[in-house]
mmCIF file of all heavy atoms, coordinates in Angstrom:
data_MODEL
# 
_entry.id   MODEL 
# 
loop_
_atom_site.group_PDB 
_atom_site.id 
_atom_site.type_symbol 
_atom_site.label_atom_id 
_atom_site.label_alt_id 
_atom_site.label_comp_id 
_atom_site.label_asym_id 
_atom_site.label_entity_id 
_atom_site.label_seq_id 
_atom_site.pdbx_PDB_ins_code 
_atom_site.Cartn_x 
_atom_site.Cartn_y 
_atom_site.Cartn_z 
_atom_site.occupancy 
_atom_site.B_iso_or_equiv 
_atom_site.pdbx_formal_charge 
_atom_site.auth_seq_id 
_atom_site.auth_comp_id 
_atom_site.auth_asym_id 
_atom_site.auth_atom_id 
_atom_site.pdbx_PDB_model_num 
ATOM 1   N N   . ILE A 1 1  ? 8.208  19.639  -3.737  1.00 0.00 ? 1  ILE A N   1 
ATOM 2   C CA  . ILE A 1 1  ? 7.832  20.416  -4.773  1.00 0.00 ? 1  ILE A CA  1 
ATOM 3   C C   . ILE A 1 1  ? 6.338  20.235  -5.259  1.00 0.00 ? 1  ILE A C   1 
ATOM 4   O O   . ILE A 1 1  ? 5.808  21.094  -6.009  1.00 0.00 ? 1  ILE A O   1 
ATOM 5   C CB  . ILE A 1 1  ? 8.752  20.220  -6.097  1.00 0.00 ? 1  ILE A CB  1 
ATOM 6   C CG1 . ILE A 1 1  ? 8.614  18.798  -6.521  1.00 0.00 ? 1  ILE A CG1 1 
ATOM 7   C CG2 . ILE A 1 1  ? 10.305 20.587  -5.698  1.00 0.00 ? 1  ILE A CG2 1 
ATOM 8   C CD1 . ILE A 1 1  ? 9.380  18.529  -7.847  1.00 0.00 ? 1  ILE A CD1 1 
ATOM 9   N N   . LYS A 1 2  ? 5.761  19.209  -4.690  1.00 0.00 ? 2  LYS A N   1 
ATOM 10  C CA  . LYS A 1 2  ? 4.399  18.930  -5.055  1.00 0.00 ? 2  LYS A CA  1 
ATOM 11  C C   . LYS A 1 2  ? 3.864  18.004  -3.982  1.00 0.00 ? 2  LYS A C   1 
ATOM 12  O O   . LYS A 1 2  ? 4.522  17.051  -3.664  1.00 0.00 ? 2  LYS A O   1 
ATOM 13  C CB  . LYS A 1 2  ? 4.230  18.381  -6.473  1.00 0.00 ? 2  LYS A CB  1 
ATOM 14  C CG  . LYS A 1 2  ? 2.831  18.272  -6.995  1.00 0.00 ? 2  LYS A CG  1 
ATOM 15  C CD  . LYS A 1 2  ? 2.743  17.759  -8.402  1.00 0.00 ? 2  LYS A CD  1 
ATOM 16  C CE  . LYS A 1 2  ? 1.353  17.633  -8.871  1.00 0.00 ? 2  LYS A CE  1 
ATOM 17  N NZ  . LYS A 1 2  ? 1.301  17.128  -10.356 1.00 0.00 ? 2  LYS A NZ  1 
ATOM 18  N N   . GLN A 1 3  ? 2.620  18.209  -3.629  1.00 0.00 ? 3  GLN A N   1 
ATOM 19  C CA  . GLN A 1 3  ? 1.914  17.278  -2.787  1.00 0.00 ? 3  GLN A CA  1 
ATOM 20  C C   . GLN A 1 3  ? 0.774  16.610  -3.611  1.00 0.00 ? 3  GLN A C   1 
ATOM 21  O O   . GLN A 1 3  ? -0.059 17.324  -4.174  1.00 0.00 ? 3  GLN A O   1 
ATOM 22  C CB  . GLN A 1 3  ? 1.357  18.010  -1.518  1.00 0.00 ? 3  GLN A CB  1 
ATOM 23  C CG  . GLN A 1 3  ? 0.801  17.014  -0.518  1.00 0.00 ? 3  GLN A CG  1 
ATOM 24  C CD  . GLN A 1 3  ? 1.970  16.425  0.307   1.00 0.00 ? 3  GLN A CD  1 
ATOM 25  O OE1 . GLN A 1 3  ? 2.957  17.092  0.527   1.00 0.00 ? 3  GLN A OE1 1 
ATOM 26  N NE2 . GLN A 1 3  ? 1.772  15.173  0.665   1.00 0.00 ? 3  GLN A NE2 1 
ATOM 27  N N   . THR A 1 4  ? 0.762  15.372  -3.719  1.00 0.00 ? 4  THR A N   1 
ATOM 28  C CA  . THR A 1 4  ? -0.261 14.661  -4.581  1.00 0.00 ? 4  THR A CA  1 
ATOM 29  C C   . THR A 1 4  ? -1.008 13.588  -3.828  1.00 0.00 ? 4  THR A C   1 
ATOM 30  O O   . THR A 1 4  ? -0.413 13.016  -2.946  1.00 0.00 ? 4  THR A O   1 
ATOM 31  C CB  . THR A 1 4  ? 0.421  14.114  -5.818  1.00 0.00 ? 4  THR A CB  1 
ATOM 32  O OG1 . THR A 1 4  ? -0.431 13.373  -6.638  1.00 0.00 ? 4  THR A OG1 1 
ATOM 33  C CG2 . THR A 1 4  ? 1.648  13.176  -5.490  1.00 0.00 ? 4  THR A CG2 1 
ATOM 34  N N   . HIS A 1 5  ? -2.229 13.254  -4.396  1.00 0.00 ? 5  HIS A N   1 
ATOM 35  C CA  . HIS A 1 5  ? -2.888 12.079  -3.858  1.00 0.00 ? 5  HIS A CA  1 
ATOM 36  C C   . HIS A 1 5  ? -2.629 10.924  -4.622  1.00 0.00 ? 5  HIS A C   1 
ATOM 37  O O   . HIS A 1 5  ? -3.412 9.840   -4.580  1.00 0.00 ? 5  HIS A O   1 
ATOM 38  C CB  . HIS A 1 5  ? -4.402 12.436  -3.757  1.00 0.00 ? 5  HIS A CB  1 
ATOM 39  C CG  . HIS A 1 5  ? -4.733 13.511  -2.818  1.00 0.00 ? 5  HIS A CG  1 
ATOM 40  N ND1 . HIS A 1 5  ? -4.522 13.347  -1.421  1.00 0.00 ? 5  HIS A ND1 1 
ATOM 41  C CD2 . HIS A 1 5  ? -5.151 14.820  -2.911  1.00 0.00 ? 5  HIS A CD2 1 
ATOM 42  C CE1 . HIS A 1 5  ? -4.882 14.439  -0.778  1.00 0.00 ? 5  HIS A CE1 1 
ATOM 43  N NE2 . HIS A 1 5  ? -5.227 15.380  -1.705  1.00 0.00 ? 5  HIS A NE2 1 
ATOM 44  N N   . TYR A 1 6  ? -1.611 10.946  -5.489  1.00 0.00 ? 6  TYR A N   1 
ATOM 45  C CA  . TYR A 1 6  ? -1.236 9.770   -6.421  1.00 0.00 ? 6  TYR A CA  1 
ATOM 46  C C   . TYR A 1 6  ? -1.271 8.472   -5.685  1.00 0.00 ? 6  TYR A C   1 
ATOM 47  O O   . TYR A 1 6  ? -0.671 8.464   -4.577  1.00 0.00 ? 6  TYR A O   1 
ATOM 48  C CB  . TYR A 1 6  ? 0.017  10.069  -7.056  1.00 0.00 ? 6  TYR A CB  1 
ATOM 49  C CG  . TYR A 1 6  ? 0.530  8.866   -7.912  1.00 0.00 ? 6  TYR A CG  1 
ATOM 50  C CD1 . TYR A 1 6  ? 0.013  8.495   -9.056  1.00 0.00 ? 6  TYR A CD1 1 
ATOM 51  C CD2 . TYR A 1 6  ? 1.498  8.095   -7.312  1.00 0.00 ? 6  TYR A CD2 1 
ATOM 52  C CE1 . TYR A 1 6  ? 0.544  7.399   -9.804  1.00 0.00 ? 6  TYR A CE1 1 
ATOM 53  C CE2 . TYR A 1 6  ? 1.937  7.026   -7.973  1.00 0.00 ? 6  TYR A CE2 1 
ATOM 54  C CZ  . TYR A 1 6  ? 1.517  6.619   -9.281  1.00 0.00 ? 6  TYR A CZ  1 
ATOM 55  O OH  . TYR A 1 6  ? 1.971  5.551   -9.900  1.00 0.00 ? 6  TYR A OH  1 
ATOM 56  N N   . GLY A 1 7  ? -1.906 7.530   -6.206  1.00 0.00 ? 7  GLY A N   1 
ATOM 57  C CA  . GLY A 1 7  ? -1.645 6.143   -5.710  1.00 0.00 ? 7  GLY A CA  1 
ATOM 58  C C   . GLY A 1 7  ? -2.670 5.714   -4.645  1.00 0.00 ? 7  GLY A C   1 
ATOM 59  O O   . GLY A 1 7  ? -2.527 4.568   -4.155  1.00 0.00 ? 7  GLY A O   1 
ATOM 60  N N   . LYS A 1 8  ? -3.672 6.501   -4.401  1.00 0.00 ? 8  LYS A N   1 
ATOM 61  C CA  . LYS A 1 8  ? -4.634 6.027   -3.293  1.00 0.00 ? 8  LYS A CA  1 
ATOM 62  C C   . LYS A 1 8  ? -5.338 4.806   -3.639  1.00 0.00 ? 8  LYS A C   1 
ATOM 63  O O   . LYS A 1 8  ? -5.452 3.823   -2.886  1.00 0.00 ? 8  LYS A O   1 
ATOM 64  C CB  . LYS A 1 8  ? -5.662 7.119   -2.984  1.00 0.00 ? 8  LYS A CB  1 
ATOM 65  C CG  . LYS A 1 8  ? -5.125 8.209   -2.117  1.00 0.00 ? 8  LYS A CG  1 
ATOM 66  C CD  . LYS A 1 8  ? -6.225 9.110   -1.621  1.00 0.00 ? 8  LYS A CD  1 
ATOM 67  C CE  . LYS A 1 8  ? -5.722 10.136  -0.546  1.00 0.00 ? 8  LYS A CE  1 
ATOM 68  N NZ  . LYS A 1 8  ? -6.727 11.091  -0.123  1.00 0.00 ? 8  LYS A NZ  1 
ATOM 69  N N   . LYS A 1 9  ? -5.748 4.691   -4.882  1.00 0.00 ? 9  LYS A N   1 
ATOM 70  C CA  . LYS A 1 9  ? -6.457 3.500   -5.345  1.00 0.00 ? 9  LYS A CA  1 
ATOM 71  C C   . LYS A 1 9  ? -5.510 2.279   -5.362  1.00 0.00 ? 9  LYS A C   1 
ATOM 72  O O   . LYS A 1 9  ? -5.919 1.214   -4.788  1.00 0.00 ? 9  LYS A O   1 
ATOM 73  C CB  . LYS A 1 9  ? -6.968 3.715   -6.786  1.00 0.00 ? 9  LYS A CB  1 
ATOM 74  C CG  . LYS A 1 9  ? -7.708 2.489   -7.335  1.00 0.00 ? 9  LYS A CG  1 
ATOM 75  C CD  . LYS A 1 9  ? -8.272 2.781   -8.774  1.00 0.00 ? 9  LYS A CD  1 
ATOM 76  C CE  . LYS A 1 9  ? -8.973 1.559   -9.355  1.00 0.00 ? 9  LYS A CE  1 
ATOM 77  N NZ  . LYS A 1 9  ? -9.393 1.682   -10.682 1.00 0.00 ? 9  LYS A NZ  1 
ATOM 78  N N   . ASN A 1 10 ? -4.289 2.545   -5.840  1.00 0.00 ? 10 ASN A N   1 
ATOM 79  C CA  . ASN A 1 10 ? -3.330 1.392   -5.787  1.00 0.00 ? 10 ASN A CA  1 
ATOM 80  C C   . ASN A 1 10 ? -2.820 0.968   -4.413  1.00 0.00 ? 10 ASN A C   1 
ATOM 81  O O   . ASN A 1 10 ? -2.649 -0.152  -4.054  1.00 0.00 ? 10 ASN A O   1 
ATOM 82  C CB  . ASN A 1 10 ? -2.154 1.769   -6.634  1.00 0.00 ? 10 ASN A CB  1 
ATOM 83  C CG  . ASN A 1 10 ? -2.567 1.924   -8.168  1.00 0.00 ? 10 ASN A CG  1 
ATOM 84  O OD1 . ASN A 1 10 ? -3.321 1.132   -8.581  1.00 0.00 ? 10 ASN A OD1 1 
ATOM 85  N ND2 . ASN A 1 10 ? -1.888 2.857   -8.816  1.00 0.00 ? 10 ASN A ND2 1 
ATOM 86  N N   . LEU A 1 11 ? -2.776 1.887   -3.545  1.00 0.00 ? 11 LEU A N   1 
ATOM 87  C CA  . LEU A 1 11 ? -2.494 1.702   -2.123  1.00 0.00 ? 11 LEU A CA  1 
ATOM 88  C C   . LEU A 1 11 ? -3.518 0.780   -1.516  1.00 0.00 ? 11 LEU A C   1 
ATOM 89  O O   . LEU A 1 11 ? -3.270 -0.121  -0.749  1.00 0.00 ? 11 LEU A O   1 
ATOM 90  C CB  . LEU A 1 11 ? -2.184 2.970   -1.405  1.00 0.00 ? 11 LEU A CB  1 
ATOM 91  C CG  . LEU A 1 11 ? -1.832 2.738   0.041   1.00 0.00 ? 11 LEU A CG  1 
ATOM 92  C CD1 . LEU A 1 11 ? -0.544 2.053   0.108   1.00 0.00 ? 11 LEU A CD1 1 
ATOM 93  C CD2 . LEU A 1 11 ? -1.649 4.130   0.772   1.00 0.00 ? 11 LEU A CD2 1 
ATOM 94  N N   . ALA A 1 12 ? -4.789 1.080   -1.866  1.00 0.00 ? 12 ALA A N   1 
ATOM 95  C CA  . ALA A 1 12 ? -5.885 0.261   -1.301  1.00 0.00 ? 12 ALA A CA  1 
ATOM 96  C C   . ALA A 1 12 ? -5.704 -1.164  -1.725  1.00 0.00 ? 12 ALA A C   1 
ATOM 97  O O   . ALA A 1 12 ? -6.019 -2.113  -1.007  1.00 0.00 ? 12 ALA A O   1 
ATOM 98  C CB  . ALA A 1 12 ? -7.225 0.856   -1.695  1.00 0.00 ? 12 ALA A CB  1 
ATOM 99  N N   . LEU A 1 13 ? -5.268 -1.314  -3.048  1.00 0.00 ? 13 LEU A N   1 
ATOM 100 C CA  . LEU A 1 13 ? -5.181 -2.640  -3.572  1.00 0.00 ? 13 LEU A CA  1 
ATOM 101 C C   . LEU A 1 13 ? -4.038 -3.310  -2.788  1.00 0.00 ? 13 LEU A C   1 
ATOM 102 O O   . LEU A 1 13 ? -4.119 -4.543  -2.505  1.00 0.00 ? 13 LEU A O   1 
ATOM 103 C CB  . LEU A 1 13 ? -4.816 -2.638  -5.083  1.00 0.00 ? 13 LEU A CB  1 
ATOM 104 C CG  . LEU A 1 13 ? -6.005 -2.299  -5.971  1.00 0.00 ? 13 LEU A CG  1 
ATOM 105 C CD1 . LEU A 1 13 ? -5.496 -2.058  -7.394  1.00 0.00 ? 13 LEU A CD1 1 
ATOM 106 C CD2 . LEU A 1 13 ? -6.998 -3.474  -5.955  1.00 0.00 ? 13 LEU A CD2 1 
ATOM 107 N N   . ALA A 1 14 ? -2.883 -2.606  -2.602  1.00 0.00 ? 14 ALA A N   1 
ATOM 108 C CA  . ALA A 1 14 ? -1.771 -3.162  -1.802  1.00 0.00 ? 14 ALA A CA  1 
ATOM 109 C C   . ALA A 1 14 ? -2.170 -3.617  -0.458  1.00 0.00 ? 14 ALA A C   1 
ATOM 110 O O   . ALA A 1 14 ? -1.807 -4.625  0.047   1.00 0.00 ? 14 ALA A O   1 
ATOM 111 C CB  . ALA A 1 14 ? -0.602 -2.162  -1.748  1.00 0.00 ? 14 ALA A CB  1 
ATOM 112 N N   . THR A 1 15 ? -3.089 -2.756  0.245   1.00 0.00 ? 15 THR A N   1 
ATOM 113 C CA  . THR A 1 15 ? -3.498 -3.073  1.549   1.00 0.00 ? 15 THR A CA  1 
ATOM 114 C C   . THR A 1 15 ? -4.314 -4.352  1.558   1.00 0.00 ? 15 THR A C   1 
ATOM 115 O O   . THR A 1 15 ? -4.228 -5.275  2.389   1.00 0.00 ? 15 THR A O   1 
ATOM 116 C CB  . THR A 1 15 ? -4.288 -1.920  2.120   1.00 0.00 ? 15 THR A CB  1 
ATOM 117 O OG1 . THR A 1 15 ? -3.435 -0.808  2.085   1.00 0.00 ? 15 THR A OG1 1 
ATOM 118 C CG2 . THR A 1 15 ? -4.750 -2.220  3.612   1.00 0.00 ? 15 THR A CG2 1 
ATOM 119 N N   . ALA A 1 16 ? -5.235 -4.455  0.541   1.00 0.00 ? 16 ALA A N   1 
ATOM 120 C CA  . ALA A 1 16 ? -6.023 -5.664  0.431   1.00 0.00 ? 16 ALA A CA  1 
ATOM 121 C C   . ALA A 1 16 ? -5.154 -6.902  0.197   1.00 0.00 ? 16 ALA A C   1 
ATOM 122 O O   . ALA A 1 16 ? -5.556 -7.978  0.640   1.00 0.00 ? 16 ALA A O   1 
ATOM 123 C CB  . ALA A 1 16 ? -7.016 -5.514  -0.767  1.00 0.00 ? 16 ALA A CB  1 
ATOM 124 N N   . TYR A 1 17 ? -3.980 -6.734  -0.454  1.00 0.00 ? 17 TYR A N   1 
ATOM 125 C CA  . TYR A 1 17 ? -3.135 -7.951  -0.676  1.00 0.00 ? 17 TYR A CA  1 
ATOM 126 C C   . TYR A 1 17 ? -2.510 -8.446  0.672   1.00 0.00 ? 17 TYR A C   1 
ATOM 127 O O   . TYR A 1 17 ? -2.396 -9.620  0.741   1.00 0.00 ? 17 TYR A O   1 
ATOM 128 C CB  . TYR A 1 17 ? -1.966 -7.433  -1.557  1.00 0.00 ? 17 TYR A CB  1 
ATOM 129 C CG  . TYR A 1 17 ? -0.775 -8.447  -1.622  1.00 0.00 ? 17 TYR A CG  1 
ATOM 130 C CD1 . TYR A 1 17 ? -0.981 -9.575  -2.361  1.00 0.00 ? 17 TYR A CD1 1 
ATOM 131 C CD2 . TYR A 1 17 ? 0.426  -8.180  -1.049  1.00 0.00 ? 17 TYR A CD2 1 
ATOM 132 C CE1 . TYR A 1 17 ? 0.067  -10.483 -2.484  1.00 0.00 ? 17 TYR A CE1 1 
ATOM 133 C CE2 . TYR A 1 17 ? 1.437  -9.052  -1.124  1.00 0.00 ? 17 TYR A CE2 1 
ATOM 134 C CZ  . TYR A 1 17 ? 1.239  -10.239 -1.857  1.00 0.00 ? 17 TYR A CZ  1 
ATOM 135 O OH  . TYR A 1 17 ? 2.257  -11.137 -2.013  1.00 0.00 ? 17 TYR A OH  1 
ATOM 136 N N   . GLY A 1 18 ? -2.370 -7.602  1.602   1.00 0.00 ? 18 GLY A N   1 
ATOM 137 C CA  . GLY A 1 18 ? -2.034 -8.089  2.924   1.00 0.00 ? 18 GLY A CA  1 
ATOM 138 C C   . GLY A 1 18 ? -0.508 -8.037  3.192   1.00 0.00 ? 18 GLY A C   1 
ATOM 139 O O   . GLY A 1 18 ? 0.268  -8.281  2.311   1.00 0.00 ? 18 GLY A O   1 
ATOM 140 N N   . ARG A 1 19 ? -0.118 -7.647  4.476   1.00 0.00 ? 19 ARG A N   1 
ATOM 141 C CA  . ARG A 1 19 ? 1.297  -7.618  4.867   1.00 0.00 ? 19 ARG A CA  1 
ATOM 142 C C   . ARG A 1 19 ? 1.373  -8.118  6.266   1.00 0.00 ? 19 ARG A C   1 
ATOM 143 O O   . ARG A 1 19 ? 1.813  -7.455  7.192   1.00 0.00 ? 19 ARG A O   1 
ATOM 144 C CB  . ARG A 1 19 ? 1.761  -6.155  4.813   1.00 0.00 ? 19 ARG A CB  1 
ATOM 145 C CG  . ARG A 1 19 ? 1.781  -5.581  3.374   1.00 0.00 ? 19 ARG A CG  1 
ATOM 146 C CD  . ARG A 1 19 ? 1.999  -4.133  3.438   1.00 0.00 ? 19 ARG A CD  1 
ATOM 147 N NE  . ARG A 1 19 ? 1.028  -3.382  4.276   1.00 0.00 ? 19 ARG A NE  1 
ATOM 148 C CZ  . ARG A 1 19 ? -0.212 -3.080  3.869   1.00 0.00 ? 19 ARG A CZ  1 
ATOM 149 N NH1 . ARG A 1 19 ? -0.572 -3.470  2.683   1.00 0.00 ? 19 ARG A NH1 1 
ATOM 150 N NH2 . ARG A 1 19 ? -1.007 -2.494  4.713   1.00 0.00 ? 19 ARG A NH2 1 
ATOM 151 N N   . ASP A 1 20 ? 1.059  -9.388  6.464   1.00 0.00 ? 20 ASP A N   1 
ATOM 152 C CA  . ASP A 1 20 ? 1.139  -9.968  7.846   1.00 0.00 ? 20 ASP A CA  1 
ATOM 153 C C   . ASP A 1 20 ? 2.607  -10.095 8.187   1.00 0.00 ? 20 ASP A C   1 
ATOM 154 O O   . ASP A 1 20 ? 3.442  -10.712 7.440   1.00 0.00 ? 20 ASP A O   1 
ATOM 155 C CB  . ASP A 1 20 ? 0.537  -11.351 7.767   1.00 0.00 ? 20 ASP A CB  1 
ATOM 156 C CG  . ASP A 1 20 ? 0.391  -11.987 9.136   1.00 0.00 ? 20 ASP A CG  1 
ATOM 157 O OD1 . ASP A 1 20 ? 1.178  -11.564 10.038  1.00 0.00 ? 20 ASP A OD1 1 
ATOM 158 O OD2 . ASP A 1 20 ? -0.408 -12.934 9.243   1.00 0.00 ? 20 ASP A OD2 1 
ATOM 159 N N   . GLY A 1 21 ? 2.967  -9.541  9.337   1.00 0.00 ? 21 GLY A N   1 
ATOM 160 C CA  . GLY A 1 21 ? 4.414  -9.694  9.736   1.00 0.00 ? 21 GLY A CA  1 
ATOM 161 C C   . GLY A 1 21 ? 4.835  -11.093 9.910   1.00 0.00 ? 21 GLY A C   1 
ATOM 162 O O   . GLY A 1 21 ? 6.144  -11.381 9.821   1.00 0.00 ? 21 GLY A O   1 
ATOM 163 N N   . ASN A 1 22 ? 3.961  -12.073 10.017  1.00 0.00 ? 22 ASN A N   1 
ATOM 164 C CA  . ASN A 1 22 ? 4.355  -13.515 10.165  1.00 0.00 ? 22 ASN A CA  1 
ATOM 165 C C   . ASN A 1 22 ? 4.877  -14.038 8.851   1.00 0.00 ? 22 ASN A C   1 
ATOM 166 O O   . ASN A 1 22 ? 5.449  -15.049 8.734   1.00 0.00 ? 22 ASN A O   1 
ATOM 167 C CB  . ASN A 1 22 ? 3.197  -14.348 10.640  1.00 0.00 ? 22 ASN A CB  1 
ATOM 168 C CG  . ASN A 1 22 ? 2.841  -13.954 12.057  1.00 0.00 ? 22 ASN A CG  1 
ATOM 169 O OD1 . ASN A 1 22 ? 3.674  -13.613 12.846  1.00 0.00 ? 22 ASN A OD1 1 
ATOM 170 N ND2 . ASN A 1 22 ? 1.520  -13.993 12.425  1.00 0.00 ? 22 ASN A ND2 1 
ATOM 171 N N   . ASP A 1 23 ? 4.634  -13.230 7.683   1.00 0.00 ? 23 ASP A N   1 
ATOM 172 C CA  . ASP A 1 23 ? 5.102  -13.725 6.400   1.00 0.00 ? 23 ASP A CA  1 
ATOM 173 C C   . ASP A 1 23 ? 6.598  -13.372 6.132   1.00 0.00 ? 23 ASP A C   1 
ATOM 174 O O   . ASP A 1 23 ? 7.109  -13.719 5.139   1.00 0.00 ? 23 ASP A O   1 
ATOM 175 C CB  . ASP A 1 23 ? 4.373  -13.008 5.287   1.00 0.00 ? 23 ASP A CB  1 
ATOM 176 C CG  . ASP A 1 23 ? 2.935  -13.578 5.253   1.00 0.00 ? 23 ASP A CG  1 
ATOM 177 O OD1 . ASP A 1 23 ? 2.613  -14.712 5.723   1.00 0.00 ? 23 ASP A OD1 1 
ATOM 178 O OD2 . ASP A 1 23 ? 2.056  -12.837 4.684   1.00 0.00 ? 23 ASP A OD2 1 
ATOM 179 N N   . LEU A 1 24 ? 7.177  -12.702 7.122   1.00 0.00 ? 24 LEU A N   1 
ATOM 180 C CA  . LEU A 1 24 ? 8.660  -12.273 6.850   1.00 0.00 ? 24 LEU A CA  1 
ATOM 181 C C   . LEU A 1 24 ? 9.524  -13.583 7.063   1.00 0.00 ? 24 LEU A C   1 
ATOM 182 O O   . LEU A 1 24 ? 9.282  -14.383 7.894   1.00 0.00 ? 24 LEU A O   1 
ATOM 183 C CB  . LEU A 1 24 ? 9.056  -11.215 7.854   1.00 0.00 ? 24 LEU A CB  1 
ATOM 184 C CG  . LEU A 1 24 ? 8.386  -9.854  7.682   1.00 0.00 ? 24 LEU A CG  1 
ATOM 185 C CD1 . LEU A 1 24 ? 8.730  -8.897  8.781   1.00 0.00 ? 24 LEU A CD1 1 
ATOM 186 C CD2 . LEU A 1 24 ? 8.709  -9.257  6.322   1.00 0.00 ? 24 LEU A CD2 1 
ATOM 187 N N   . HIS A 1 25 ? 10.549 -13.616 6.198   1.00 0.00 ? 25 HIS A N   1 
ATOM 188 C CA  . HIS A 1 25 ? 11.359 -14.785 6.315   1.00 0.00 ? 25 HIS A CA  1 
ATOM 189 C C   . HIS A 1 25 ? 12.842 -14.297 6.378   1.00 0.00 ? 25 HIS A C   1 
ATOM 190 O O   . HIS A 1 25 ? 13.191 -13.244 5.795   1.00 0.00 ? 25 HIS A O   1 
ATOM 191 C CB  . HIS A 1 25 ? 11.229 -15.658 5.058   1.00 0.00 ? 25 HIS A CB  1 
ATOM 192 C CG  . HIS A 1 25 ? 9.915  -16.143 4.865   1.00 0.00 ? 25 HIS A CG  1 
ATOM 193 N ND1 . HIS A 1 25 ? 9.494  -17.256 5.585   1.00 0.00 ? 25 HIS A ND1 1 
ATOM 194 C CD2 . HIS A 1 25 ? 8.864  -15.719 4.175   1.00 0.00 ? 25 HIS A CD2 1 
ATOM 195 C CE1 . HIS A 1 25 ? 8.210  -17.587 5.206   1.00 0.00 ? 25 HIS A CE1 1 
ATOM 196 N NE2 . HIS A 1 25 ? 7.828  -16.606 4.373   1.00 0.00 ? 25 HIS A NE2 1 
# 
């Protein structure tokens, strides 16, 4: 119903936080 660019800034922050697969437990 809508296409939005919401969250690009916050997504960049999340990416900076890091998601190394080795962190999975």
